[in-house]
Amino acid sequence: MLHNVWEASAAGDSVDLGVEVAFAQAWFVSACNWLNVSSISGMGRSDITINAAANDTGSARTGYVTIRGGGIERVITVNQAAD
């Protein structure tokens, strides 16, 4: 399993990541409503974008995106400061 950490700005932010997918379609699981992940399909190298909405909650927050497909699992931890 690959694990990455991304520090998103409080005002909202996005990051592009390259993902290698073999033998299956990839899918994404996000456990929080403030992260949006672009979808990809097929095999080979693909780029995805993770968008973090502005954080106006008054508290720092952490969310997770899990990418699974083709025998890989990649977890991205997203830390976002408060505004």
Protein backbone atom coordinates (compact mmCIF):
# COMPACT_ATOMS: atom_id res chain seq x y z
CA MET A 1 0.00 0.00 0.00
CA LEU A 2 1.25 3.46 -0.87
CA HIS A 3 0.54 6.28 1.54
CA ASN A 4 0.84 9.99 0.83
CA VAL A 5 0.08 13.09 2.87
CA TRP A 6 -1.16 16.32 1.33
CA GLU A 7 -1.40 19.64 3.20
CA ALA A 8 -4.30 21.60 1.70
CA SER A 9 -4.71 25.33 2.27
CA ALA A 10 -7.63 26.58 4.38
CA ALA A 11 -8.96 28.60 1.45
CA GLY A 12 -9.44 25.45 -0.65
CA ASP A 13 -6.90 23.68 -2.81
CA SER A 14 -6.31 20.97 -5.39
CA VAL A 15 -3.56 18.50 -6.23
CA ASP A 16 -2.93 16.31 -9.28
CA LEU A 17 -1.59 12.79 -8.72
CA GLY A 18 -0.44 10.13 -11.14
CA VAL A 19 -1.80 6.64 -10.53
CA GLU A 20 -0.74 3.42 -12.24
CA VAL A 21 -3.65 1.03 -12.73
CA ALA A 22 -3.27 -2.46 -14.17
CA PHE A 23 -5.76 -5.25 -14.82
CA ALA A 24 -8.81 -3.43 -13.45
CA GLN A 25 -10.71 -0.21 -13.32
CA ALA A 26 -9.80 2.12 -10.47
CA TRP A 27 -12.31 3.49 -8.02
CA PHE A 28 -12.12 6.03 -5.24
CA VAL A 29 -13.52 6.15 -1.74
CA SER A 30 -13.64 9.39 0.21
CA ALA A 31 -14.98 9.36 3.75
CA CYS A 32 -15.67 13.08 3.97
CA ASN A 33 -17.91 15.45 2.07
CA TRP A 34 -15.32 18.23 1.65
CA LEU A 35 -13.06 16.23 -0.70
CA ASN A 36 -13.90 15.71 -4.37
CA VAL A 37 -11.92 13.26 -6.52
CA SER A 38 -11.95 13.16 -10.32
CA SER A 39 -12.68 9.72 -11.70
CA ILE A 40 -10.57 7.65 -14.07
CA SER A 41 -11.17 4.37 -15.80
CA GLY A 42 -9.21 1.90 -17.84
CA MET A 43 -5.65 0.69 -17.41
CA GLY A 44 -2.24 2.29 -17.41
CA ARG A 45 -1.08 5.59 -15.96
CA SER A 46 -3.80 8.12 -15.25
CA ASP A 47 -3.92 11.45 -13.49
CA ILE A 48 -6.51 12.27 -10.86
CA THR A 49 -7.31 15.55 -9.17
CA ILE A 50 -8.28 15.88 -5.52
CA ASN A 51 -10.13 19.09 -4.65
CA ALA A 52 -10.50 20.24 -1.06
CA ALA A 53 -13.29 22.73 -0.35
CA ALA A 54 -12.54 25.81 1.73
CA ASN A 55 -12.42 25.07 5.45
CA ASP A 56 -14.66 27.54 7.25
CA THR A 57 -15.35 25.25 10.23
CA GLY A 58 -12.93 27.03 12.57
CA SER A 59 -11.01 23.80 13.20
CA ALA A 60 -8.28 21.98 11.33
CA ARG A 61 -9.49 18.74 9.73
CA THR A 62 -8.18 15.53 8.22
CA GLY A 63 -9.78 13.42 5.49
CA TYR A 64 -8.74 10.35 3.53
CA VAL A 65 -8.98 9.28 -0.09
CA THR A 66 -8.43 5.60 -0.86
CA ILE A 67 -7.63 4.57 -4.42
CA ARG A 68 -8.01 0.90 -5.24
CA GLY A 69 -7.62 -0.97 -8.50
CA GLY A 70 -5.41 -3.40 -10.33
CA GLY A 71 -4.07 -4.89 -7.12
CA ILE A 72 -2.93 -1.60 -5.62
CA GLU A 73 -4.23 0.40 -2.72
CA ARG A 74 -3.11 3.99 -2.21
CA VAL A 75 -4.24 6.12 0.72
CA ILE A 76 -3.91 9.89 0.62
CA THR A 77 -4.26 11.69 3.94
CA VAL A 78 -5.45 15.27 3.48
CA ASN A 79 -4.72 17.69 6.31
CA GLN A 80 -6.39 21.08 6.06
CA ALA A 81 -5.81 24.07 8.33
CA ALA A 82 -8.69 26.16 9.63
CA ASP A 83 -9.49 29.52 8.08
